[in-house]
Amino acid sequence: MIRQTPVVALTGATGTIGRLVARGLAAEDGADGADGADVRLLVRDPAKAAREGLPGRAVAADFGEVDGLARALEGVDRVFVVTSDPLRPEHDENVLAAARAAGVRRVVKLSALAVLDPGAQDLLTRWQRDNEERLRASGLEWTLLRPRAFMSNALGWAASVRQDGTVRALYGSGRNACVHPRDVADAAVRALLDAEGAGRSYALTGPEPLSAREQTGTLGEVLGRPLTFVELTEEQAAERWRARWPEPMVRALLESARRQRDGAKEAVADGVREATGQDPRSFADWARANAEAFGARGAARGSSHRGASGVEYRA
């Protein structure tokens, strides 16, 4: 029997998870028992994808243009959907409309684990709930990936760690069962290549809940030098976030931080193992792979490439 190679399109291909999914699909190509995939990268700037050496063919696409998205998805079997602007809910609507118009069969959507928490009513979580509902009602085959915060959010501390050995964060004792980005990407690759994940939702967490103070301690151990933790006030954290995001998102981030302070994000789930067959990676694993970003000399380059100021807001 001759296997047909699926054509997989990735949105958010130059982001934290998208780039790992692209490389994961490329690594699967030709592996024993795997079909592999013909990868298409839907990006606003194809030149950027080329500069970063991402595998696959980069195609210009804009979430705001359904017709252009539909053209970019012609011949595509499966789509990995990552959107990032809760103030533009039409983006998910447009991707799904374009996918239907292009004859796409399966959509794997990156959502957030907070959607399962009835107490989470912030802008970001309501937006993701709406996105999930749109996908389930779309008539397309679907899989939902619901991660906690990415361990790579710690890269937001890299500049201050290099400069003066200090980590500054809000509510330093609140724990989050944060997940390794590579585990999320591995789950996405399997959902895109295998039919077993159709109609399923995966709660993706790390192996244990950790606070910012505990992450600081782990980073210090990996770097071989003590680090100082400084707790920010809500006002200080909000001022930092305002440099990147509009006020509605700042308010949502504060609401999310308070939920973490109150213990809403501590639960560990088995979704990584269910989706990938592998145990979830630890924060220590992530820190060792990304030690160079924090000033360690000769450390291996890690798999998380978001800039030192980068913070994801999945919860």
C-alpha atoms as a PDB file:
ATOM      1  CA  MET A   1       0.000   0.000   0.000  1.00  0.00           C
ATOM      2  CA  ILE A   2       1.417   3.390  -0.993  1.00  0.00           C
ATOM      3  CA  ARG A   3       1.191   6.029   1.716  1.00  0.00           C
ATOM      4  CA  GLN A   4       0.382   9.570   0.719  1.00  0.00           C
ATOM      5  CA  THR A   5       2.411  12.254   2.412  1.00  0.00           C
ATOM      6  CA  PRO A   6       0.080  14.717   4.154  1.00  0.00           C
ATOM      7  CA  VAL A   7       0.430  18.436   3.520  1.00  0.00           C
ATOM      8  CA  VAL A   8       0.527  20.224   6.877  1.00  0.00           C
ATOM      9  CA  ALA A   9       0.229  24.000   7.220  1.00  0.00           C
ATOM     10  CA  LEU A  10       1.474  25.803  10.326  1.00  0.00           C
ATOM     11  CA  THR A  11       0.310  29.194  11.517  1.00  0.00           C
ATOM     12  CA  GLY A  12       2.522  30.909  14.074  1.00  0.00           C
ATOM     13  CA  ALA A  13       5.454  29.097  12.499  1.00  0.00           C
ATOM     14  CA  THR A  14       8.075  31.567  13.742  1.00  0.00           C
ATOM     15  CA  GLY A  15       6.802  31.505  17.344  1.00  0.00           C
ATOM     16  CA  THR A  16       7.875  29.471  20.355  1.00  0.00           C
ATOM     17  CA  ILE A  17       5.818  26.376  19.521  1.00  0.00           C
ATOM     18  CA  GLY A  18       5.406  26.767  15.772  1.00  0.00           C
ATOM     19  CA  ARG A  19       9.110  26.594  15.011  1.00  0.00           C
ATOM     20  CA  LEU A  20       9.448  23.447  17.136  1.00  0.00           C
ATOM     21  CA  VAL A  21       6.485  21.852  15.360  1.00  0.00           C
ATOM     22  CA  ALA A  22       8.049  22.639  11.976  1.00  0.00           C
ATOM     23  CA  ARG A  23      11.310  21.018  13.012  1.00  0.00           C
ATOM     24  CA  GLY A  24       9.487  18.100  14.626  1.00  0.00           C
ATOM     25  CA  LEU A  25       7.555  17.393  11.435  1.00  0.00           C
ATOM     26  CA  ALA A  26      10.782  17.544   9.445  1.00  0.00           C
ATOM     27  CA  ALA A  27      12.420  15.099  11.848  1.00  0.00           C
ATOM     28  CA  GLU A  28       9.485  12.696  11.486  1.00  0.00           C
ATOM     29  CA  ASP A  29       9.811  12.693   7.698  1.00  0.00           C
ATOM     30  CA  GLY A  30      11.065   9.291   6.679  1.00  0.00           C
ATOM     31  CA  ALA A  31      11.138   7.903  10.224  1.00  0.00           C
ATOM     32  CA  ASP A  32      10.148   4.266  10.661  1.00  0.00           C
ATOM     33  CA  GLY A  33       6.390   3.938  10.871  1.00  0.00           C
ATOM     34  CA  ALA A  34       5.745   7.622  10.173  1.00  0.00           C
ATOM     35  CA  ASP A  35       4.366   9.149   7.039  1.00  0.00           C
ATOM     36  CA  GLY A  36       6.179  12.421   7.518  1.00  0.00           C
ATOM     37  CA  ALA A  37       4.705  15.600   6.098  1.00  0.00           C
ATOM     38  CA  ASP A  38       5.047  18.209   3.401  1.00  0.00           C
ATOM     39  CA  VAL A  39       5.301  21.322   5.592  1.00  0.00           C
ATOM     40  CA  ARG A  40       3.881  24.698   4.598  1.00  0.00           C
ATOM     41  CA  LEU A  41       4.596  27.721   6.809  1.00  0.00           C
ATOM     42  CA  LEU A  42       1.879  30.400   6.820  1.00  0.00           C
ATOM     43  CA  VAL A  43       3.685  33.580   7.830  1.00  0.00           C
ATOM     44  CA  ARG A  44       3.377  37.308   7.306  1.00  0.00           C
ATOM     45  CA  ASP A  45       7.039  37.524   6.313  1.00  0.00           C
ATOM     46  CA  PRO A  46       8.371  34.509   4.353  1.00  0.00           C
ATOM     47  CA  ALA A  47      11.841  36.062   4.382  1.00  0.00           C
ATOM     48  CA  LYS A  48      11.923  35.821   8.180  1.00  0.00           C
ATOM     49  CA  ALA A  49      11.153  32.109   8.065  1.00  0.00           C
ATOM     50  CA  ALA A  50      13.900  31.670   5.494  1.00  0.00           C
ATOM     51  CA  ARG A  51      16.417  33.604   7.602  1.00  0.00           C
ATOM     52  CA  GLU A  52      15.661  31.415  10.589  1.00  0.00           C
ATOM     53  CA  GLY A  53      16.217  28.253   8.568  1.00  0.00           C
ATOM     54  CA  LEU A  54      12.815  26.738   9.275  1.00  0.00           C
ATOM     55  CA  PRO A  55      12.023  23.598   7.274  1.00  0.00           C
ATOM     56  CA  GLY A  56       9.127  23.740   4.850  1.00  0.00           C
ATOM     57  CA  ARG A  57       7.854  26.178   2.243  1.00  0.00           C
ATOM     58  CA  ALA A  58       7.020  29.645   3.562  1.00  0.00           C
ATOM     59  CA  VAL A  59       3.840  31.213   2.163  1.00  0.00           C
ATOM     60  CA  ALA A  60       2.638  34.749   2.879  1.00  0.00           C
ATOM     61  CA  ALA A  61      -0.697  34.810   4.708  1.00  0.00           C
ATOM     62  CA  ASP A  62      -2.598  37.252   6.883  1.00  0.00           C
ATOM     63  CA  PHE A  63      -5.185  36.289   9.514  1.00  0.00           C
ATOM     64  CA  GLY A  64      -7.255  39.270   8.449  1.00  0.00           C
ATOM     65  CA  GLU A  65      -7.773  38.076   4.850  1.00  0.00           C
ATOM     66  CA  VAL A  66      -9.929  34.988   4.336  1.00  0.00           C
ATOM     67  CA  ASP A  67      -9.376  34.778   0.575  1.00  0.00           C
ATOM     68  CA  GLY A  68      -5.606  34.985   0.951  1.00  0.00           C
ATOM     69  CA  LEU A  69      -5.657  32.360   3.701  1.00  0.00           C
ATOM     70  CA  ALA A  70      -7.763  30.072   1.529  1.00  0.00           C
ATOM     71  CA  ARG A  71      -5.270  30.384  -1.319  1.00  0.00           C
ATOM     72  CA  ALA A  72      -2.389  29.659   1.062  1.00  0.00           C
ATOM     73  CA  LEU A  73      -4.233  26.536   2.280  1.00  0.00           C
ATOM     74  CA  GLU A  74      -4.991  25.086  -1.158  1.00  0.00           C
ATOM     75  CA  GLY A  75      -3.965  21.438  -1.200  1.00  0.00           C
ATOM     76  CA  VAL A  76      -3.429  21.329   2.578  1.00  0.00           C
ATOM     77  CA  ASP A  77      -4.734  18.341   4.556  1.00  0.00           C
ATOM     78  CA  ARG A  78      -4.081  19.488   8.124  1.00  0.00           C
ATOM     79  CA  VAL A  79      -3.511  22.810   9.870  1.00  0.00           C
ATOM     80  CA  PHE A  80      -1.857  23.719  13.150  1.00  0.00           C
ATOM     81  CA  VAL A  81      -3.564  26.871  14.403  1.00  0.00           C
ATOM     82  CA  VAL A  82      -1.871  29.343  16.732  1.00  0.00           C
ATOM     83  CA  THR A  83      -3.410  32.790  17.132  1.00  0.00           C
ATOM     84  CA  SER A  84      -2.236  35.402  19.597  1.00  0.00           C
ATOM     85  CA  ASP A  85      -4.518  38.430  19.705  1.00  0.00           C
ATOM     86  CA  PRO A  86      -7.628  38.190  21.915  1.00  0.00           C
ATOM     87  CA  LEU A  87      -8.680  41.610  20.658  1.00  0.00           C
ATOM     88  CA  ARG A  88      -9.039  40.134  17.153  1.00  0.00           C
ATOM     89  CA  PRO A  89     -11.399  37.137  17.574  1.00  0.00           C
ATOM     90  CA  GLU A  90     -12.086  37.184  13.844  1.00  0.00           C
ATOM     91  CA  HIS A  91      -8.636  35.708  13.262  1.00  0.00           C
ATOM     92  CA  ASP A  92      -9.751  32.228  14.322  1.00  0.00           C
ATOM     93  CA  GLU A  93     -13.002  32.655  12.428  1.00  0.00           C
ATOM     94  CA  ASN A  94     -11.056  33.526   9.283  1.00  0.00           C
ATOM     95  CA  VAL A  95      -8.669  30.590   9.589  1.00  0.00           C
ATOM     96  CA  LEU A  96     -11.538  28.134   9.978  1.00  0.00           C
ATOM     97  CA  ALA A  97     -13.481  29.672   7.093  1.00  0.00           C
ATOM     98  CA  ALA A  98     -10.403  29.477   4.883  1.00  0.00           C
ATOM     99  CA  ALA A  99      -9.725  25.887   5.959  1.00  0.00           C
ATOM    100  CA  ARG A 100     -13.248  24.827   5.006  1.00  0.00           C
ATOM    101  CA  ALA A 101     -13.008  26.646   1.679  1.00  0.00           C
ATOM    102  CA  ALA A 102      -9.691  24.956   0.897  1.00  0.00           C
ATOM    103  CA  GLY A 103     -10.903  21.460   1.790  1.00  0.00           C
ATOM    104  CA  VAL A 104      -8.706  21.028   4.886  1.00  0.00           C
ATOM    105  CA  ARG A 105      -9.702  17.938   6.880  1.00  0.00           C
ATOM    106  CA  ARG A 106      -8.073  18.330  10.299  1.00  0.00           C
ATOM    107  CA  VAL A 107      -7.244  21.255  12.583  1.00  0.00           C
ATOM    108  CA  VAL A 108      -4.990  21.036  15.639  1.00  0.00           C
ATOM    109  CA  LYS A 109      -5.543  24.090  17.823  1.00  0.00           C
ATOM    110  CA  LEU A 110      -3.226  25.503  20.499  1.00  0.00           C
ATOM    111  CA  SER A 111      -5.496  26.683  23.314  1.00  0.00           C
ATOM    112  CA  ALA A 112      -4.889  27.020  27.085  1.00  0.00           C
ATOM    113  CA  LEU A 113      -5.625  24.858  30.112  1.00  0.00           C
ATOM    114  CA  ALA A 114      -7.356  27.731  31.885  1.00  0.00           C
ATOM    115  CA  VAL A 115     -10.460  27.114  29.757  1.00  0.00           C
ATOM    116  CA  LEU A 116     -11.350  24.255  32.116  1.00  0.00           C
ATOM    117  CA  ASP A 117     -11.344  26.509  35.190  1.00  0.00           C
ATOM    118  CA  PRO A 118     -14.812  28.029  35.850  1.00  0.00           C
ATOM    119  CA  GLY A 119     -13.115  30.706  37.938  1.00  0.00           C
ATOM    120  CA  ALA A 120     -11.064  31.913  34.980  1.00  0.00           C
ATOM    121  CA  GLN A 121     -13.136  34.651  33.362  1.00  0.00           C
ATOM    122  CA  ASP A 122     -10.409  36.966  32.103  1.00  0.00           C
ATOM    123  CA  LEU A 123     -10.233  38.214  28.519  1.00  0.00           C
ATOM    124  CA  LEU A 124      -7.601  35.696  27.439  1.00  0.00           C
ATOM    125  CA  THR A 125      -9.423  32.661  28.777  1.00  0.00           C
ATOM    126  CA  ARG A 126     -12.833  33.709  27.417  1.00  0.00           C
ATOM    127  CA  TRP A 127     -11.213  34.239  24.020  1.00  0.00           C
ATOM    128  CA  GLN A 128      -9.739  30.741  24.028  1.00  0.00           C
ATOM    129  CA  ARG A 129     -13.043  29.206  25.102  1.00  0.00           C
ATOM    130  CA  ASP A 130     -14.725  30.943  22.186  1.00  0.00           C
ATOM    131  CA  ASN A 131     -12.001  29.728  19.827  1.00  0.00           C
ATOM    132  CA  GLU A 132     -12.510  26.147  20.967  1.00  0.00           C
ATOM    133  CA  GLU A 133     -16.255  26.390  20.483  1.00  0.00           C
ATOM    134  CA  ARG A 134     -15.787  27.754  16.960  1.00  0.00           C
ATOM    135  CA  LEU A 135     -13.541  24.836  16.100  1.00  0.00           C
ATOM    136  CA  ARG A 136     -15.881  22.192  17.508  1.00  0.00           C
ATOM    137  CA  ALA A 137     -18.767  23.736  15.567  1.00  0.00           C
ATOM    138  CA  SER A 138     -16.789  24.066  12.330  1.00  0.00           C
ATOM    139  CA  GLY A 139     -17.459  20.607  10.942  1.00  0.00           C
ATOM    140  CA  LEU A 140     -13.706  20.002  10.676  1.00  0.00           C
ATOM    141  CA  GLU A 141     -11.863  17.175  12.389  1.00  0.00           C
ATOM    142  CA  TRP A 142     -10.190  18.694  15.453  1.00  0.00           C
ATOM    143  CA  THR A 143      -7.714  18.202  18.287  1.00  0.00           C
ATOM    144  CA  LEU A 144      -7.251  20.666  21.159  1.00  0.00           C
ATOM    145  CA  LEU A 145      -3.939  21.193  22.945  1.00  0.00           C
ATOM    146  CA  ARG A 146      -4.340  22.941  26.294  1.00  0.00           C
ATOM    147  CA  PRO A 147      -0.968  23.819  27.846  1.00  0.00           C
ATOM    148  CA  ARG A 148      -0.183  25.564  31.082  1.00  0.00           C
ATOM    149  CA  ALA A 149       2.348  28.392  30.874  1.00  0.00           C
ATOM    150  CA  PHE A 150       5.468  27.586  28.876  1.00  0.00           C
ATOM    151  CA  MET A 151       8.706  27.069  30.789  1.00  0.00           C
ATOM    152  CA  SER A 152      10.274  29.352  28.218  1.00  0.00           C
ATOM    153  CA  ASN A 153       8.497  32.298  29.859  1.00  0.00           C
ATOM    154  CA  ALA A 154      11.516  32.274  32.167  1.00  0.00           C
ATOM    155  CA  LEU A 155      13.494  33.784  29.281  1.00  0.00           C
ATOM    156  CA  GLY A 156      11.881  37.048  30.351  1.00  0.00           C
ATOM    157  CA  TRP A 157      14.331  36.971  33.264  1.00  0.00           C
ATOM    158  CA  ALA A 158      17.432  36.346  31.167  1.00  0.00           C
ATOM    159  CA  ALA A 159      18.600  39.956  30.846  1.00  0.00           C
ATOM    160  CA  SER A 160      18.434  40.659  34.590  1.00  0.00           C
ATOM    161  CA  VAL A 161      20.068  37.326  35.421  1.00  0.00           C
ATOM    162  CA  ARG A 162      22.960  38.153  33.121  1.00  0.00           C
ATOM    163  CA  GLN A 163      23.198  41.693  34.402  1.00  0.00           C
ATOM    164  CA  ASP A 164      22.970  41.294  38.181  1.00  0.00           C
ATOM    165  CA  GLY A 165      21.904  37.740  39.006  1.00  0.00           C
ATOM    166  CA  THR A 166      18.337  38.793  39.812  1.00  0.00           C
ATOM    167  CA  VAL A 167      14.916  37.410  38.933  1.00  0.00           C
ATOM    168  CA  ARG A 168      11.976  39.778  39.317  1.00  0.00           C
ATOM    169  CA  ALA A 169       8.418  38.449  39.135  1.00  0.00           C
ATOM    170  CA  LEU A 170       4.929  38.905  40.510  1.00  0.00           C
ATOM    171  CA  TYR A 171       3.609  36.574  43.246  1.00  0.00           C
ATOM    172  CA  GLY A 172       6.790  34.580  43.566  1.00  0.00           C
ATOM    173  CA  SER A 173       5.281  31.808  45.703  1.00  0.00           C
ATOM    174  CA  GLY A 174       2.343  30.996  43.411  1.00  0.00           C
ATOM    175  CA  ARG A 175       2.907  27.682  41.664  1.00  0.00           C
ATOM    176  CA  ASN A 176       2.235  26.808  38.019  1.00  0.00           C
ATOM    177  CA  ALA A 177       2.541  23.315  36.497  1.00  0.00           C
ATOM    178  CA  CYS A 178       4.380  24.903  33.572  1.00  0.00           C
ATOM    179  CA  VAL A 179       5.157  22.786  30.533  1.00  0.00           C
ATOM    180  CA  HIS A 180       8.249  22.382  28.371  1.00  0.00           C
ATOM    181  CA  PRO A 181       7.616  23.894  24.899  1.00  0.00           C
ATOM    182  CA  ARG A 182       9.063  20.805  23.250  1.00  0.00           C
ATOM    183  CA  ASP A 183       6.437  18.628  24.933  1.00  0.00           C
ATOM    184  CA  VAL A 184       3.711  20.856  23.500  1.00  0.00           C
ATOM    185  CA  ALA A 185       5.323  20.682  20.064  1.00  0.00           C
ATOM    186  CA  ASP A 186       5.699  16.900  20.263  1.00  0.00           C
ATOM    187  CA  ALA A 187       1.996  16.631  21.106  1.00  0.00           C
ATOM    188  CA  ALA A 188       1.163  18.812  18.107  1.00  0.00           C
ATOM    189  CA  VAL A 189       3.305  16.740  15.745  1.00  0.00           C
ATOM    190  CA  ARG A 190       1.645  13.516  16.826  1.00  0.00           C
ATOM    191  CA  ALA A 191      -1.843  15.048  16.526  1.00  0.00           C
ATOM    192  CA  LEU A 192      -1.036  16.292  13.028  1.00  0.00           C
ATOM    193  CA  LEU A 193       0.384  12.980  11.808  1.00  0.00           C
ATOM    194  CA  ASP A 194      -1.793  10.436  13.635  1.00  0.00           C
ATOM    195  CA  ALA A 195      -5.554   9.994  13.502  1.00  0.00           C
ATOM    196  CA  GLU A 196      -5.744   8.824  17.143  1.00  0.00           C
ATOM    197  CA  GLY A 197      -6.027  12.360  18.501  1.00  0.00           C
ATOM    198  CA  ALA A 198      -9.092  13.309  16.470  1.00  0.00           C
ATOM    199  CA  GLY A 199     -11.841  14.694  18.680  1.00  0.00           C
ATOM    200  CA  ARG A 200      -9.594  14.710  21.753  1.00  0.00           C
ATOM    201  CA  SER A 201      -8.352  17.424  24.084  1.00  0.00           C
ATOM    202  CA  TYR A 202      -5.013  17.172  25.903  1.00  0.00           C
ATOM    203  CA  ALA A 203      -4.178  18.978  29.144  1.00  0.00           C
ATOM    204  CA  LEU A 204      -0.433  19.600  28.883  1.00  0.00           C
ATOM    205  CA  THR A 205       1.573  20.293  32.027  1.00  0.00           C
ATOM    206  CA  GLY A 206       5.026  19.696  33.375  1.00  0.00           C
ATOM    207  CA  PRO A 207       5.769  16.979  35.946  1.00  0.00           C
ATOM    208  CA  GLU A 208       5.372  19.270  38.968  1.00  0.00           C
ATOM    209  CA  PRO A 209       4.081  22.720  39.904  1.00  0.00           C
ATOM    210  CA  LEU A 210       6.778  25.322  40.494  1.00  0.00           C
ATOM    211  CA  SER A 211       6.812  28.878  41.758  1.00  0.00           C
ATOM    212  CA  ALA A 212       8.988  31.648  40.365  1.00  0.00           C
ATOM    213  CA  ARG A 213      11.098  31.394  43.523  1.00  0.00           C
ATOM    214  CA  GLU A 214      11.609  27.664  42.958  1.00  0.00           C
ATOM    215  CA  GLN A 215      12.442  28.216  39.291  1.00  0.00           C
ATOM    216  CA  THR A 216      14.985  30.812  40.371  1.00  0.00           C
ATOM    217  CA  GLY A 217      16.614  28.248  42.646  1.00  0.00           C
ATOM    218  CA  THR A 218      16.770  25.694  39.841  1.00  0.00           C
ATOM    219  CA  LEU A 219      18.266  28.231  37.446  1.00  0.00           C
ATOM    220  CA  GLY A 220      20.914  29.091  40.030  1.00  0.00           C
ATOM    221  CA  GLU A 221      21.829  25.422  40.426  1.00  0.00           C
ATOM    222  CA  VAL A 222      22.109  24.966  36.672  1.00  0.00           C
ATOM    223  CA  LEU A 223      24.209  28.127  36.288  1.00  0.00           C
ATOM    224  CA  GLY A 224      26.375  27.282  39.308  1.00  0.00           C
ATOM    225  CA  ARG A 225      25.821  30.624  41.019  1.00  0.00           C
ATOM    226  CA  PRO A 226      23.271  31.994  43.484  1.00  0.00           C
ATOM    227  CA  LEU A 227      20.450  34.115  42.103  1.00  0.00           C
ATOM    228  CA  THR A 228      18.347  36.638  43.979  1.00  0.00           C
ATOM    229  CA  PHE A 229      14.571  36.710  43.728  1.00  0.00           C
ATOM    230  CA  VAL A 230      12.763  40.061  43.992  1.00  0.00           C
ATOM    231  CA  GLU A 231       8.966  40.073  44.158  1.00  0.00           C
ATOM    232  CA  LEU A 232       7.247  42.719  42.063  1.00  0.00           C
ATOM    233  CA  THR A 233       4.118  44.536  43.143  1.00  0.00           C
ATOM    234  CA  GLU A 234       1.085  44.377  40.890  1.00  0.00           C
ATOM    235  CA  GLU A 235       1.757  47.970  39.866  1.00  0.00           C
ATOM    236  CA  GLN A 236       5.342  47.163  38.870  1.00  0.00           C
ATOM    237  CA  ALA A 237       4.329  44.064  36.907  1.00  0.00           C
ATOM    238  CA  ALA A 238       1.537  45.924  35.136  1.00  0.00           C
ATOM    239  CA  GLU A 239       3.915  48.702  34.123  1.00  0.00           C
ATOM    240  CA  ARG A 240       6.255  46.152  32.540  1.00  0.00           C
ATOM    241  CA  TRP A 241       3.406  44.482  30.662  1.00  0.00           C
ATOM    242  CA  ARG A 242       2.117  47.812  29.367  1.00  0.00           C
ATOM    243  CA  ALA A 243       5.350  48.163  27.418  1.00  0.00           C
ATOM    244  CA  ARG A 244       4.188  45.231  25.272  1.00  0.00           C
ATOM    245  CA  TRP A 245       0.415  44.901  25.471  1.00  0.00           C
ATOM    246  CA  PRO A 246      -2.723  47.077  25.551  1.00  0.00           C
ATOM    247  CA  GLU A 247      -4.557  47.704  28.806  1.00  0.00           C
ATOM    248  CA  PRO A 248      -7.266  45.000  28.386  1.00  0.00           C
ATOM    249  CA  MET A 249      -4.547  42.354  28.149  1.00  0.00           C
ATOM    250  CA  VAL A 250      -2.667  43.800  31.129  1.00  0.00           C
ATOM    251  CA  ARG A 251      -5.834  43.468  33.216  1.00  0.00           C
ATOM    252  CA  ALA A 252      -6.246  39.882  32.014  1.00  0.00           C
ATOM    253  CA  LEU A 253      -2.660  39.044  32.952  1.00  0.00           C
ATOM    254  CA  LEU A 254      -3.208  40.460  36.438  1.00  0.00           C
ATOM    255  CA  GLU A 255      -6.352  38.357  36.874  1.00  0.00           C
ATOM    256  CA  SER A 256      -4.441  35.293  35.720  1.00  0.00           C
ATOM    257  CA  ALA A 257      -1.572  36.028  38.125  1.00  0.00           C
ATOM    258  CA  ARG A 258      -3.990  36.282  41.040  1.00  0.00           C
ATOM    259  CA  ARG A 259      -5.441  32.883  40.163  1.00  0.00           C
ATOM    260  CA  GLN A 260      -1.954  31.423  40.210  1.00  0.00           C
ATOM    261  CA  ARG A 261      -1.285  33.099  43.565  1.00  0.00           C
ATOM    262  CA  ASP A 262      -4.410  31.395  44.891  1.00  0.00           C
ATOM    263  CA  GLY A 263      -3.359  27.924  43.705  1.00  0.00           C
ATOM    264  CA  ALA A 264      -5.525  27.557  40.594  1.00  0.00           C
ATOM    265  CA  LYS A 265      -2.665  26.403  38.360  1.00  0.00           C
ATOM    266  CA  GLU A 266      -0.940  23.768  40.488  1.00  0.00           C
ATOM    267  CA  ALA A 267      -2.631  20.600  39.238  1.00  0.00           C
ATOM    268  CA  VAL A 268      -0.507  18.223  37.166  1.00  0.00           C
ATOM    269  CA  ALA A 269      -2.210  16.451  34.253  1.00  0.00           C
ATOM    270  CA  ASP A 270      -1.258  13.380  32.231  1.00  0.00           C
ATOM    271  CA  GLY A 271      -1.817  14.949  28.817  1.00  0.00           C
ATOM    272  CA  VAL A 272       1.806  14.936  27.672  1.00  0.00           C
ATOM    273  CA  ARG A 273       2.049  11.209  28.242  1.00  0.00           C
ATOM    274  CA  GLU A 274      -1.343  10.618  26.610  1.00  0.00           C
ATOM    275  CA  ALA A 275      -0.444  12.687  23.558  1.00  0.00           C
ATOM    276  CA  THR A 276       3.178  11.630  23.066  1.00  0.00           C
ATOM    277  CA  GLY A 277       3.751   8.411  25.008  1.00  0.00           C
ATOM    278  CA  GLN A 278       6.617  10.128  26.856  1.00  0.00           C
ATOM    279  CA  ASP A 279       6.983  11.550  30.354  1.00  0.00           C
ATOM    280  CA  PRO A 280       6.945  15.363  30.490  1.00  0.00           C
ATOM    281  CA  ARG A 281      10.286  17.144  30.651  1.00  0.00           C
ATOM    282  CA  SER A 282      11.214  19.031  33.819  1.00  0.00           C
ATOM    283  CA  PHE A 283      12.055  22.691  34.324  1.00  0.00           C
ATOM    284  CA  ALA A 284      15.611  21.593  35.120  1.00  0.00           C
ATOM    285  CA  ASP A 285      15.750  19.969  31.668  1.00  0.00           C
ATOM    286  CA  TRP A 286      14.624  23.231  30.103  1.00  0.00           C
ATOM    287  CA  ALA A 287      17.060  25.323  32.162  1.00  0.00           C
ATOM    288  CA  ARG A 288      20.034  23.147  31.200  1.00  0.00           C
ATOM    289  CA  ALA A 289      19.125  23.371  27.509  1.00  0.00           C
ATOM    290  CA  ASN A 290      18.766  27.164  27.698  1.00  0.00           C
ATOM    291  CA  ALA A 291      21.532  28.041  30.152  1.00  0.00           C
ATOM    292  CA  GLU A 292      23.405  30.054  27.538  1.00  0.00           C
ATOM    293  CA  ALA A 293      20.583  32.608  27.427  1.00  0.00           C
ATOM    294  CA  PHE A 294      21.203  33.302  31.116  1.00  0.00           C
ATOM    295  CA  GLY A 295      24.940  33.806  30.703  1.00  0.00           C
ATOM    296  CA  ALA A 296      26.331  30.299  31.035  1.00  0.00           C
ATOM    297  CA  ARG A 297      29.365  29.905  28.802  1.00  0.00           C
ATOM    298  CA  GLY A 298      29.660  26.922  26.523  1.00  0.00           C
ATOM    299  CA  ALA A 299      26.117  25.748  27.220  1.00  0.00           C
ATOM    300  CA  ALA A 300      24.241  23.931  24.491  1.00  0.00           C
ATOM    301  CA  ARG A 301      21.717  26.035  22.669  1.00  0.00           C
ATOM    302  CA  GLY A 302      18.209  25.207  23.745  1.00  0.00           C
ATOM    303  CA  SER A 303      15.025  24.602  21.870  1.00  0.00           C
ATOM    304  CA  SER A 304      13.197  27.718  23.051  1.00  0.00           C
ATOM    305  CA  HIS A 305      14.006  30.731  20.918  1.00  0.00           C
ATOM    306  CA  ARG A 306      11.776  33.481  22.219  1.00  0.00           C
ATOM    307  CA  GLY A 307      13.675  36.687  22.966  1.00  0.00           C
ATOM    308  CA  ALA A 308      14.844  37.565  26.431  1.00  0.00           C
ATOM    309  CA  SER A 309      11.875  39.881  26.969  1.00  0.00           C
ATOM    310  CA  GLY A 310       9.379  37.380  25.620  1.00  0.00           C
ATOM    311  CA  VAL A 311       6.509  36.206  27.785  1.00  0.00           C
ATOM    312  CA  GLU A 312       3.674  33.995  26.576  1.00  0.00           C
ATOM    313  CA  TYR A 313       0.321  34.422  28.224  1.00  0.00           C
ATOM    314  CA  ARG A 314      -1.094  30.914  28.101  1.00  0.00           C
ATOM    315  CA  ALA A 315      -2.250  29.700  31.469  1.00  0.00           C
END
